[in-house]
């Protein structure tokens, strides 16, 4: 199905533009055009489809579903809801406050916040297209596992004292929320707004990711990457986690870089570690969470994820050596 984008790039780059197939510039331009068409088409289709299905799942509904459940139920439920409701970073603070106000434990709340940016439907579909559904499914399982373990560790350490004091004083959710419009027209309008909001927010980061991927694809020698980022280099995985911290993108935006690195022979675990780091512990994400978390909890949160992502990277490198 995705071959249509390759044929489109072939026609434009080799035919219309007249570039040479084996030239570095030609390969970079081909990658950029093919991935731009492919990723934005899938982005619009998948965001619209998930928005249509998610029209009834407002943040308040997510909070209500998790509240009052036992820990054996609340942790898996939180990460599953985080996986299918990838709210944007700007939603993190009100969601965090709303969860705690509803009596949901801090660990469960953090489990949701870990899973939500790490796992989103576009990234999973694109991963499946690049690596197959087996790897995509394992990535989802890994993300959910990291969410549960991270939340349990934060709960076990009893870090509530490192939540900003004003959070505990806020009372949210006391006003009746308007009922969602679940008619076909209402869902269609909601899905259309989701496409406009999400694509409008991340398109520039996706284009930057595609441009970086195109540069890697066309100009970075495969032998150099194989030497410095191979599975034999044990420092490659933690380095990938470190590189992701100062970057800002969604998991979808970093997919073109993942695709290019994989094509150059970089092990799957190393590139997935980079992808998880960019999505969940990037510096901008931590700055947003600083509004509700004290520096000690942010450092603990980021440290747990950093170690977990490295372990996942080594695991995937071992499984797919």
C-alpha atoms as a PDB file:
ATOM      1  CA  UNK A   1       0.000   0.000   0.000  1.00  0.00           C
ATOM      2  CA  UNK A   2       2.825   2.429   0.846  1.00  0.00           C
ATOM      3  CA  UNK A   3       4.552   1.744  -2.499  1.00  0.00           C
ATOM      4  CA  UNK A   4       2.498   4.547  -4.032  1.00  0.00           C
ATOM      5  CA  UNK A   5       4.638   7.081  -2.146  1.00  0.00           C
ATOM      6  CA  UNK A   6       7.842   5.483  -3.442  1.00  0.00           C
ATOM      7  CA  UNK A   7       6.492   5.649  -7.004  1.00  0.00           C
ATOM      8  CA  UNK A   8       5.478   9.277  -6.502  1.00  0.00           C
ATOM      9  CA  UNK A   9       8.995  10.155  -5.327  1.00  0.00           C
ATOM     10  CA  UNK A  10      10.512   8.138  -8.220  1.00  0.00           C
ATOM     11  CA  UNK A  11       8.426  10.073 -10.741  1.00  0.00           C
ATOM     12  CA  UNK A  12       9.212  13.478  -9.263  1.00  0.00           C
ATOM     13  CA  UNK A  13      12.895  13.058  -8.391  1.00  0.00           C
ATOM     14  CA  UNK A  14      14.176  10.862 -11.241  1.00  0.00           C
ATOM     15  CA  UNK A  15      11.667  11.958 -13.873  1.00  0.00           C
ATOM     16  CA  UNK A  16      10.521  15.533 -13.344  1.00  0.00           C
ATOM     17  CA  UNK A  17      13.601  16.863 -11.495  1.00  0.00           C
ATOM     18  CA  UNK A  18      16.034  14.728 -13.497  1.00  0.00           C
ATOM     19  CA  UNK A  19      18.291  13.885 -10.545  1.00  0.00           C
ATOM     20  CA  UNK A  20      20.625  10.891 -10.721  1.00  0.00           C
ATOM     21  CA  UNK A  21      19.483   7.829  -8.703  1.00  0.00           C
ATOM     22  CA  UNK A  22      22.848   7.110  -7.061  1.00  0.00           C
ATOM     23  CA  UNK A  23      23.759  10.715  -6.198  1.00  0.00           C
ATOM     24  CA  UNK A  24      23.770  11.739  -2.527  1.00  0.00           C
ATOM     25  CA  UNK A  25      21.599  14.774  -3.205  1.00  0.00           C
ATOM     26  CA  UNK A  26      19.163  12.725  -5.273  1.00  0.00           C
ATOM     27  CA  UNK A  27      18.815  10.071  -2.557  1.00  0.00           C
ATOM     28  CA  UNK A  28      18.254  12.759   0.089  1.00  0.00           C
ATOM     29  CA  UNK A  29      15.595  14.532  -1.979  1.00  0.00           C
ATOM     30  CA  UNK A  30      13.898  11.204  -2.773  1.00  0.00           C
ATOM     31  CA  UNK A  31      13.758  10.327   0.943  1.00  0.00           C
ATOM     32  CA  UNK A  32      12.378  13.774   1.821  1.00  0.00           C
ATOM     33  CA  UNK A  33       9.609  13.713  -0.785  1.00  0.00           C
ATOM     34  CA  UNK A  34       8.614  10.086  -0.146  1.00  0.00           C
ATOM     35  CA  UNK A  35       8.487  10.464   3.637  1.00  0.00           C
ATOM     36  CA  UNK A  36       6.753  13.846   3.548  1.00  0.00           C
ATOM     37  CA  UNK A  37       3.954  12.447   1.394  1.00  0.00           C
ATOM     38  CA  UNK A  38       3.735   9.195   3.343  1.00  0.00           C
ATOM     39  CA  UNK A  39       3.870  10.566   6.879  1.00  0.00           C
ATOM     40  CA  UNK A  40       1.493  13.489   6.373  1.00  0.00           C
ATOM     41  CA  UNK A  41      -1.032  11.310   4.549  1.00  0.00           C
ATOM     42  CA  UNK A  42      -0.968   8.710   7.320  1.00  0.00           C
ATOM     43  CA  UNK A  43      -0.944  11.445   9.962  1.00  0.00           C
ATOM     44  CA  UNK A  44      -4.161  13.017   8.658  1.00  0.00           C
ATOM     45  CA  UNK A  45      -5.938   9.687   8.110  1.00  0.00           C
ATOM     46  CA  UNK A  46      -5.003   8.142  11.462  1.00  0.00           C
ATOM     47  CA  UNK A  47      -5.562  11.281  13.559  1.00  0.00           C
ATOM     48  CA  UNK A  48      -8.977  11.736  11.948  1.00  0.00           C
ATOM     49  CA  UNK A  49      -9.943   8.084  12.476  1.00  0.00           C
ATOM     50  CA  UNK A  50      -8.783   8.045  16.100  1.00  0.00           C
ATOM     51  CA  UNK A  51     -10.387  11.424  16.737  1.00  0.00           C
ATOM     52  CA  UNK A  52     -13.677  10.092  15.405  1.00  0.00           C
ATOM     53  CA  UNK A  53     -13.483   7.108  17.761  1.00  0.00           C
ATOM     54  CA  UNK A  54     -12.177   9.222  20.640  1.00  0.00           C
ATOM     55  CA  UNK A  55     -14.950  11.821  20.440  1.00  0.00           C
ATOM     56  CA  UNK A  56     -16.481  10.444  23.622  1.00  0.00           C
ATOM     57  CA  UNK A  57     -13.203  10.220  25.573  1.00  0.00           C
ATOM     58  CA  UNK A  58     -12.544  13.678  27.013  1.00  0.00           C
ATOM     59  CA  UNK A  59      -9.802  14.142  29.629  1.00  0.00           C
ATOM     60  CA  UNK A  60     -12.496  14.238  32.318  1.00  0.00           C
ATOM     61  CA  UNK A  61     -13.779  10.848  31.150  1.00  0.00           C
ATOM     62  CA  UNK A  62     -10.269   9.391  31.392  1.00  0.00           C
ATOM     63  CA  UNK A  63      -9.982  10.662  34.944  1.00  0.00           C
ATOM     64  CA  UNK A  64     -13.373   9.181  35.868  1.00  0.00           C
ATOM     65  CA  UNK A  65     -12.454   5.785  34.394  1.00  0.00           C
ATOM     66  CA  UNK A  66      -9.300   5.505  36.497  1.00  0.00           C
ATOM     67  CA  UNK A  67     -10.616   7.016  39.741  1.00  0.00           C
ATOM     68  CA  UNK A  68     -11.672   4.611  42.481  1.00  0.00           C
ATOM     69  CA  UNK A  69     -10.030   1.515  40.990  1.00  0.00           C
ATOM     70  CA  UNK A  70      -7.654  -0.771  42.865  1.00  0.00           C
ATOM     71  CA  UNK A  71      -3.969  -0.532  41.984  1.00  0.00           C
ATOM     72  CA  UNK A  72      -4.113  -3.879  40.181  1.00  0.00           C
ATOM     73  CA  UNK A  73      -6.667  -2.332  37.842  1.00  0.00           C
ATOM     74  CA  UNK A  74      -5.681   1.341  37.862  1.00  0.00           C
ATOM     75  CA  UNK A  75      -2.075   0.928  36.665  1.00  0.00           C
ATOM     76  CA  UNK A  76      -2.824  -1.187  33.558  1.00  0.00           C
ATOM     77  CA  UNK A  77      -5.893   0.948  32.849  1.00  0.00           C
ATOM     78  CA  UNK A  78      -3.889   4.175  33.152  1.00  0.00           C
ATOM     79  CA  UNK A  79      -1.200   3.093  30.702  1.00  0.00           C
ATOM     80  CA  UNK A  80      -3.772   1.673  28.271  1.00  0.00           C
ATOM     81  CA  UNK A  81      -5.702   4.940  28.339  1.00  0.00           C
ATOM     82  CA  UNK A  82      -2.430   6.830  27.989  1.00  0.00           C
ATOM     83  CA  UNK A  83      -1.626   4.771  24.896  1.00  0.00           C
ATOM     84  CA  UNK A  84      -4.950   5.479  23.155  1.00  0.00           C
ATOM     85  CA  UNK A  85      -5.420   9.081  24.338  1.00  0.00           C
ATOM     86  CA  UNK A  86      -2.201  10.881  23.379  1.00  0.00           C
ATOM     87  CA  UNK A  87      -3.087  14.302  24.742  1.00  0.00           C
ATOM     88  CA  UNK A  88      -0.643  17.067  23.927  1.00  0.00           C
ATOM     89  CA  UNK A  89       1.943  18.467  26.324  1.00  0.00           C
ATOM     90  CA  UNK A  90      -0.290  21.432  27.106  1.00  0.00           C
ATOM     91  CA  UNK A  91      -2.833  18.974  28.534  1.00  0.00           C
ATOM     92  CA  UNK A  92      -0.296  17.438  30.925  1.00  0.00           C
ATOM     93  CA  UNK A  93      -0.701  19.990  33.718  1.00  0.00           C
ATOM     94  CA  UNK A  94      -4.545  20.054  33.908  1.00  0.00           C
ATOM     95  CA  UNK A  95      -4.651  16.266  33.545  1.00  0.00           C
ATOM     96  CA  UNK A  96      -2.095  15.870  36.330  1.00  0.00           C
ATOM     97  CA  UNK A  97      -4.055  18.159  38.663  1.00  0.00           C
ATOM     98  CA  UNK A  98      -7.362  16.525  37.756  1.00  0.00           C
ATOM     99  CA  UNK A  99      -6.038  13.028  38.423  1.00  0.00           C
ATOM    100  CA  UNK A 100      -4.698  13.913  41.856  1.00  0.00           C
ATOM    101  CA  UNK A 101      -7.846  15.862  42.785  1.00  0.00           C
ATOM    102  CA  UNK A 102      -9.918  12.770  41.983  1.00  0.00           C
ATOM    103  CA  UNK A 103      -7.905  10.782  44.535  1.00  0.00           C
ATOM    104  CA  UNK A 104      -5.869   8.876  41.940  1.00  0.00           C
ATOM    105  CA  UNK A 105      -2.440   7.972  43.440  1.00  0.00           C
ATOM    106  CA  UNK A 106       0.611   9.875  42.211  1.00  0.00           C
ATOM    107  CA  UNK A 107       2.168   6.698  40.804  1.00  0.00           C
ATOM    108  CA  UNK A 108      -0.894   5.935  38.658  1.00  0.00           C
ATOM    109  CA  UNK A 109      -0.954   9.544  37.451  1.00  0.00           C
ATOM    110  CA  UNK A 110       2.708   9.381  36.461  1.00  0.00           C
ATOM    111  CA  UNK A 111       2.149   6.033  34.704  1.00  0.00           C
ATOM    112  CA  UNK A 112      -0.467   7.730  32.512  1.00  0.00           C
ATOM    113  CA  UNK A 113       1.850  10.665  31.784  1.00  0.00           C
ATOM    114  CA  UNK A 114       4.663   8.285  30.791  1.00  0.00           C
ATOM    115  CA  UNK A 115       2.563   6.183  28.421  1.00  0.00           C
ATOM    116  CA  UNK A 116       0.732   9.055  26.739  1.00  0.00           C
ATOM    117  CA  UNK A 117       3.660  10.724  24.893  1.00  0.00           C
ATOM    118  CA  UNK A 118       5.582   7.472  24.319  1.00  0.00           C
ATOM    119  CA  UNK A 119       2.833   5.598  22.498  1.00  0.00           C
ATOM    120  CA  UNK A 120       0.683   7.160  19.827  1.00  0.00           C
ATOM    121  CA  UNK A 121      -1.235   5.619  16.989  1.00  0.00           C
ATOM    122  CA  UNK A 122       0.638   7.349  14.162  1.00  0.00           C
ATOM    123  CA  UNK A 123       4.042   6.263  15.461  1.00  0.00           C
ATOM    124  CA  UNK A 124       2.839   2.689  15.944  1.00  0.00           C
ATOM    125  CA  UNK A 125       1.420   2.475  12.409  1.00  0.00           C
ATOM    126  CA  UNK A 126       4.582   3.972  10.902  1.00  0.00           C
ATOM    127  CA  UNK A 127       6.767   1.620  12.942  1.00  0.00           C
ATOM    128  CA  UNK A 128       4.675  -1.281  11.706  1.00  0.00           C
ATOM    129  CA  UNK A 129       5.130  -0.102   8.111  1.00  0.00           C
ATOM    130  CA  UNK A 130       8.908   0.144   8.564  1.00  0.00           C
ATOM    131  CA  UNK A 131       9.671  -2.805  10.846  1.00  0.00           C
ATOM    132  CA  UNK A 132       6.530  -4.955  10.862  1.00  0.00           C
ATOM    133  CA  UNK A 133       3.730  -5.373  13.359  1.00  0.00           C
ATOM    134  CA  UNK A 134       5.791  -7.636  15.612  1.00  0.00           C
ATOM    135  CA  UNK A 135       8.260  -4.868  16.455  1.00  0.00           C
ATOM    136  CA  UNK A 136       5.480  -2.259  16.693  1.00  0.00           C
ATOM    137  CA  UNK A 137       3.523  -4.468  19.104  1.00  0.00           C
ATOM    138  CA  UNK A 138       6.637  -5.085  21.213  1.00  0.00           C
ATOM    139  CA  UNK A 139       7.259  -1.333  21.315  1.00  0.00           C
ATOM    140  CA  UNK A 140       3.726  -0.767  22.640  1.00  0.00           C
ATOM    141  CA  UNK A 141       4.213  -3.483  25.268  1.00  0.00           C
ATOM    142  CA  UNK A 142       7.574  -1.967  26.242  1.00  0.00           C
ATOM    143  CA  UNK A 143       6.057   1.503  26.561  1.00  0.00           C
ATOM    144  CA  UNK A 144       3.204   0.260  28.725  1.00  0.00           C
ATOM    145  CA  UNK A 145       5.611  -1.750  30.885  1.00  0.00           C
ATOM    146  CA  UNK A 146       7.852   1.281  31.391  1.00  0.00           C
ATOM    147  CA  UNK A 147       4.772   3.292  32.383  1.00  0.00           C
ATOM    148  CA  UNK A 148       3.664   0.749  34.989  1.00  0.00           C
ATOM    149  CA  UNK A 149       7.138   0.188  36.456  1.00  0.00           C
ATOM    150  CA  UNK A 150       7.905   3.908  36.507  1.00  0.00           C
ATOM    151  CA  UNK A 151       4.628   4.672  38.262  1.00  0.00           C
ATOM    152  CA  UNK A 152       5.127   1.885  40.806  1.00  0.00           C
ATOM    153  CA  UNK A 153       8.633   3.113  41.623  1.00  0.00           C
ATOM    154  CA  UNK A 154       7.431   6.676  42.140  1.00  0.00           C
ATOM    155  CA  UNK A 155       4.628   5.426  44.378  1.00  0.00           C
ATOM    156  CA  UNK A 156       6.989   3.170  46.369  1.00  0.00           C
ATOM    157  CA  UNK A 157       9.348   6.107  46.965  1.00  0.00           C
ATOM    158  CA  UNK A 158       6.417   8.180  48.340  1.00  0.00           C
ATOM    159  CA  UNK A 159       7.306  11.321  46.443  1.00  0.00           C
ATOM    160  CA  UNK A 160       4.059  13.224  47.009  1.00  0.00           C
ATOM    161  CA  UNK A 161       6.056  15.812  49.007  1.00  0.00           C
ATOM    162  CA  UNK A 162       7.742  16.839  45.774  1.00  0.00           C
ATOM    163  CA  UNK A 163       4.485  17.873  44.115  1.00  0.00           C
ATOM    164  CA  UNK A 164       3.938  21.629  44.245  1.00  0.00           C
ATOM    165  CA  UNK A 165       1.786  22.566  47.263  1.00  0.00           C
ATOM    166  CA  UNK A 166      -0.802  24.496  45.266  1.00  0.00           C
ATOM    167  CA  UNK A 167      -1.726  21.321  43.358  1.00  0.00           C
ATOM    168  CA  UNK A 168      -3.113  19.731  46.513  1.00  0.00           C
ATOM    169  CA  UNK A 169      -5.181  22.838  47.232  1.00  0.00           C
ATOM    170  CA  UNK A 170      -6.884  23.026  43.846  1.00  0.00           C
ATOM    171  CA  UNK A 171     -10.318  21.480  43.502  1.00  0.00           C
ATOM    172  CA  UNK A 172     -11.121  20.661  39.915  1.00  0.00           C
ATOM    173  CA  UNK A 173     -14.020  18.853  38.361  1.00  0.00           C
ATOM    174  CA  UNK A 174     -16.714  20.136  40.710  1.00  0.00           C
ATOM    175  CA  UNK A 175     -18.581  21.857  37.900  1.00  0.00           C
ATOM    176  CA  UNK A 176     -20.656  19.624  35.678  1.00  0.00           C
ATOM    177  CA  UNK A 177     -18.950  19.171  32.347  1.00  0.00           C
ATOM    178  CA  UNK A 178     -21.013  19.591  29.160  1.00  0.00           C
ATOM    179  CA  UNK A 179     -22.024  16.366  27.518  1.00  0.00           C
ATOM    180  CA  UNK A 180     -19.989  15.419  24.450  1.00  0.00           C
ATOM    181  CA  UNK A 181     -21.787  15.511  21.106  1.00  0.00           C
ATOM    182  CA  UNK A 182     -21.773  11.825  20.116  1.00  0.00           C
ATOM    183  CA  UNK A 183     -23.804  12.233  16.934  1.00  0.00           C
ATOM    184  CA  UNK A 184     -22.154  11.379  13.617  1.00  0.00           C
ATOM    185  CA  UNK A 185     -21.825  15.097  12.832  1.00  0.00           C
ATOM    186  CA  UNK A 186     -20.418  15.789  16.295  1.00  0.00           C
ATOM    187  CA  UNK A 187     -17.802  13.071  15.954  1.00  0.00           C
ATOM    188  CA  UNK A 188     -16.907  14.220  12.439  1.00  0.00           C
ATOM    189  CA  UNK A 189     -16.450  17.811  13.654  1.00  0.00           C
ATOM    190  CA  UNK A 190     -14.370  16.633  16.630  1.00  0.00           C
ATOM    191  CA  UNK A 191     -12.140  14.504  14.369  1.00  0.00           C
ATOM    192  CA  UNK A 192     -11.665  17.412  11.984  1.00  0.00           C
ATOM    193  CA  UNK A 193     -10.649  19.674  14.868  1.00  0.00           C
ATOM    194  CA  UNK A 194      -8.232  17.002  16.093  1.00  0.00           C
ATOM    195  CA  UNK A 195      -6.543  16.921  12.672  1.00  0.00           C
ATOM    196  CA  UNK A 196      -6.304  20.705  12.534  1.00  0.00           C
ATOM    197  CA  UNK A 197      -4.989  20.974  16.100  1.00  0.00           C
ATOM    198  CA  UNK A 198      -2.556  18.034  16.149  1.00  0.00           C
ATOM    199  CA  UNK A 199      -1.199  18.370  12.611  1.00  0.00           C
ATOM    200  CA  UNK A 200      -1.060  22.132  13.019  1.00  0.00           C
ATOM    201  CA  UNK A 201       0.971  21.727  16.195  1.00  0.00           C
ATOM    202  CA  UNK A 202       3.521  19.144  15.062  1.00  0.00           C
ATOM    203  CA  UNK A 203       3.900  19.629  11.291  1.00  0.00           C
ATOM    204  CA  UNK A 204       7.064  21.711  11.638  1.00  0.00           C
ATOM    205  CA  UNK A 205       8.700  19.086  13.870  1.00  0.00           C
ATOM    206  CA  UNK A 206       7.745  16.339  11.441  1.00  0.00           C
ATOM    207  CA  UNK A 207       9.332  18.285   8.571  1.00  0.00           C
ATOM    208  CA  UNK A 208      12.486  18.838  10.634  1.00  0.00           C
ATOM    209  CA  UNK A 209      12.595  15.109  11.403  1.00  0.00           C
ATOM    210  CA  UNK A 210      12.180  14.270   7.714  1.00  0.00           C
ATOM    211  CA  UNK A 211      14.926  16.744   6.778  1.00  0.00           C
ATOM    212  CA  UNK A 212      17.297  15.203   9.345  1.00  0.00           C
ATOM    213  CA  UNK A 213      16.390  11.733   8.096  1.00  0.00           C
ATOM    214  CA  UNK A 214      16.993  12.803   4.500  1.00  0.00           C
ATOM    215  CA  UNK A 215      20.423  14.181   5.395  1.00  0.00           C
ATOM    216  CA  UNK A 216      21.361  10.978   7.222  1.00  0.00           C
ATOM    217  CA  UNK A 217      20.040   8.901   4.330  1.00  0.00           C
ATOM    218  CA  UNK A 218      21.901  10.799   1.634  1.00  0.00           C
ATOM    219  CA  UNK A 219      25.100  12.030   3.232  1.00  0.00           C
ATOM    220  CA  UNK A 220      26.090  10.036   6.329  1.00  0.00           C
ATOM    221  CA  UNK A 221      28.143   6.982   5.341  1.00  0.00           C
ATOM    222  CA  UNK A 222      26.641   3.677   6.365  1.00  0.00           C
ATOM    223  CA  UNK A 223      30.050   2.386   7.460  1.00  0.00           C
ATOM    224  CA  UNK A 224      30.509   5.300   9.882  1.00  0.00           C
ATOM    225  CA  UNK A 225      27.181   4.673  11.606  1.00  0.00           C
ATOM    226  CA  UNK A 226      27.772   0.928  11.655  1.00  0.00           C
ATOM    227  CA  UNK A 227      31.092   1.529  13.386  1.00  0.00           C
ATOM    228  CA  UNK A 228      29.891   4.009  16.009  1.00  0.00           C
ATOM    229  CA  UNK A 229      26.294   2.882  16.630  1.00  0.00           C
ATOM    230  CA  UNK A 230      26.443  -0.892  16.209  1.00  0.00           C
ATOM    231  CA  UNK A 231      25.125  -3.307  18.825  1.00  0.00           C
ATOM    232  CA  UNK A 232      28.765  -4.038  19.752  1.00  0.00           C
ATOM    233  CA  UNK A 233      29.146  -0.473  21.005  1.00  0.00           C
ATOM    234  CA  UNK A 234      27.536  -0.571  24.452  1.00  0.00           C
ATOM    235  CA  UNK A 235      27.698   3.210  24.765  1.00  0.00           C
ATOM    236  CA  UNK A 236      25.467   3.749  21.720  1.00  0.00           C
ATOM    237  CA  UNK A 237      22.206   3.080  23.590  1.00  0.00           C
ATOM    238  CA  UNK A 238      22.787   5.470  26.537  1.00  0.00           C
ATOM    239  CA  UNK A 239      24.146   8.039  24.079  1.00  0.00           C
ATOM    240  CA  UNK A 240      20.906   7.763  22.082  1.00  0.00           C
ATOM    241  CA  UNK A 241      18.924   8.390  25.285  1.00  0.00           C
ATOM    242  CA  UNK A 242      21.064  11.452  26.056  1.00  0.00           C
ATOM    243  CA  UNK A 243      20.726  12.864  22.533  1.00  0.00           C
ATOM    244  CA  UNK A 244      16.923  12.746  22.802  1.00  0.00           C
ATOM    245  CA  UNK A 245      16.726  14.927  25.934  1.00  0.00           C
ATOM    246  CA  UNK A 246      17.417  18.371  24.377  1.00  0.00           C
ATOM    247  CA  UNK A 247      15.258  17.615  21.334  1.00  0.00           C
ATOM    248  CA  UNK A 248      11.548  18.394  21.055  1.00  0.00           C
ATOM    249  CA  UNK A 249       9.265  16.353  18.860  1.00  0.00           C
ATOM    250  CA  UNK A 250       6.459  13.857  19.044  1.00  0.00           C
ATOM    251  CA  UNK A 251       7.131  10.173  18.480  1.00  0.00           C
ATOM    252  CA  UNK A 252       5.701  10.712  14.982  1.00  0.00           C
ATOM    253  CA  UNK A 253       8.171  13.500  14.252  1.00  0.00           C
ATOM    254  CA  UNK A 254      11.206  11.363  15.032  1.00  0.00           C
ATOM    255  CA  UNK A 255      10.005   8.422  12.900  1.00  0.00           C
ATOM    256  CA  UNK A 256      11.806   9.676   9.735  1.00  0.00           C
ATOM    257  CA  UNK A 257      15.076   9.761  11.702  1.00  0.00           C
ATOM    258  CA  UNK A 258      14.353   6.252  12.992  1.00  0.00           C
ATOM    259  CA  UNK A 259      13.691   5.046   9.448  1.00  0.00           C
ATOM    260  CA  UNK A 260      16.893   6.558   8.101  1.00  0.00           C
ATOM    261  CA  UNK A 261      19.056   5.228  10.949  1.00  0.00           C
ATOM    262  CA  UNK A 262      17.603   1.735  10.525  1.00  0.00           C
ATOM    263  CA  UNK A 263      18.341   1.865   6.793  1.00  0.00           C
ATOM    264  CA  UNK A 264      21.961   2.711   7.662  1.00  0.00           C
ATOM    265  CA  UNK A 265      22.249  -0.378   9.856  1.00  0.00           C
ATOM    266  CA  UNK A 266      21.806   1.171  13.314  1.00  0.00           C
ATOM    267  CA  UNK A 267      20.279  -1.482  15.631  1.00  0.00           C
ATOM    268  CA  UNK A 268      16.551  -1.262  16.328  1.00  0.00           C
ATOM    269  CA  UNK A 269      16.987  -0.967  20.097  1.00  0.00           C
ATOM    270  CA  UNK A 270      19.283   2.036  19.751  1.00  0.00           C
ATOM    271  CA  UNK A 271      16.895   3.961  17.504  1.00  0.00           C
ATOM    272  CA  UNK A 272      13.868   3.084  19.659  1.00  0.00           C
ATOM    273  CA  UNK A 273      15.737   4.404  22.712  1.00  0.00           C
ATOM    274  CA  UNK A 274      16.244   7.685  20.867  1.00  0.00           C
ATOM    275  CA  UNK A 275      12.563   7.735  19.920  1.00  0.00           C
ATOM    276  CA  UNK A 276      11.380   7.100  23.496  1.00  0.00           C
ATOM    277  CA  UNK A 277      13.745   9.713  24.929  1.00  0.00           C
ATOM    278  CA  UNK A 278      12.565  12.398  22.508  1.00  0.00           C
ATOM    279  CA  UNK A 279       8.907  11.603  23.223  1.00  0.00           C
ATOM    280  CA  UNK A 280       8.951  11.260  27.014  1.00  0.00           C
ATOM    281  CA  UNK A 281      11.947  12.995  28.627  1.00  0.00           C
ATOM    282  CA  UNK A 282      12.734  15.868  26.304  1.00  0.00           C
ATOM    283  CA  UNK A 283      13.745  19.122  27.993  1.00  0.00           C
ATOM    284  CA  UNK A 284      10.599  21.043  26.879  1.00  0.00           C
ATOM    285  CA  UNK A 285       8.388  18.310  28.372  1.00  0.00           C
ATOM    286  CA  UNK A 286      10.231  18.607  31.691  1.00  0.00           C
ATOM    287  CA  UNK A 287       9.846  22.412  31.616  1.00  0.00           C
ATOM    288  CA  UNK A 288       6.074  22.006  31.237  1.00  0.00           C
ATOM    289  CA  UNK A 289       5.898  19.524  34.122  1.00  0.00           C
ATOM    290  CA  UNK A 290       7.883  21.933  36.302  1.00  0.00           C
ATOM    291  CA  UNK A 291       4.622  23.837  36.768  1.00  0.00           C
ATOM    292  CA  UNK A 292       3.310  21.030  38.989  1.00  0.00           C
ATOM    293  CA  UNK A 293       6.412  19.069  40.049  1.00  0.00           C
ATOM    294  CA  UNK A 294       9.372  20.149  42.153  1.00  0.00           C
ATOM    295  CA  UNK A 295      12.872  19.673  40.674  1.00  0.00           C
ATOM    296  CA  UNK A 296      13.539  16.611  42.860  1.00  0.00           C
ATOM    297  CA  UNK A 297      10.547  14.735  41.431  1.00  0.00           C
ATOM    298  CA  UNK A 298      11.333  15.808  37.862  1.00  0.00           C
ATOM    299  CA  UNK A 299      14.907  14.528  38.275  1.00  0.00           C
ATOM    300  CA  UNK A 300      13.652  11.234  39.736  1.00  0.00           C
ATOM    301  CA  UNK A 301      11.027  10.887  36.986  1.00  0.00           C
ATOM    302  CA  UNK A 302      13.562  11.578  34.215  1.00  0.00           C
ATOM    303  CA  UNK A 303      16.161   9.298  35.826  1.00  0.00           C
ATOM    304  CA  UNK A 304      13.765   6.352  36.046  1.00  0.00           C
ATOM    305  CA  UNK A 305      12.768   6.786  32.402  1.00  0.00           C
ATOM    306  CA  UNK A 306      16.378   7.237  31.286  1.00  0.00           C
ATOM    307  CA  UNK A 307      17.415   3.924  32.859  1.00  0.00           C
ATOM    308  CA  UNK A 308      14.260   2.167  31.618  1.00  0.00           C
ATOM    309  CA  UNK A 309      14.794   3.347  28.023  1.00  0.00           C
ATOM    310  CA  UNK A 310      18.392   2.137  28.065  1.00  0.00           C
ATOM    311  CA  UNK A 311      17.269  -1.290  29.320  1.00  0.00           C
ATOM    312  CA  UNK A 312      14.589  -1.463  26.607  1.00  0.00           C
ATOM    313  CA  UNK A 313      17.196  -0.516  24.001  1.00  0.00           C
ATOM    314  CA  UNK A 314      19.549  -3.298  25.079  1.00  0.00           C
ATOM    315  CA  UNK A 315      16.618  -5.741  25.150  1.00  0.00           C
ATOM    316  CA  UNK A 316      15.527  -4.911  21.584  1.00  0.00           C
ATOM    317  CA  UNK A 317      19.130  -5.057  20.346  1.00  0.00           C
ATOM    318  CA  UNK A 318      19.435  -8.508  21.878  1.00  0.00           C
ATOM    319  CA  UNK A 319      16.104  -9.729  20.460  1.00  0.00           C
ATOM    320  CA  UNK A 320      16.756  -8.425  16.950  1.00  0.00           C
ATOM    321  CA  UNK A 321      20.513  -8.833  16.719  1.00  0.00           C
END
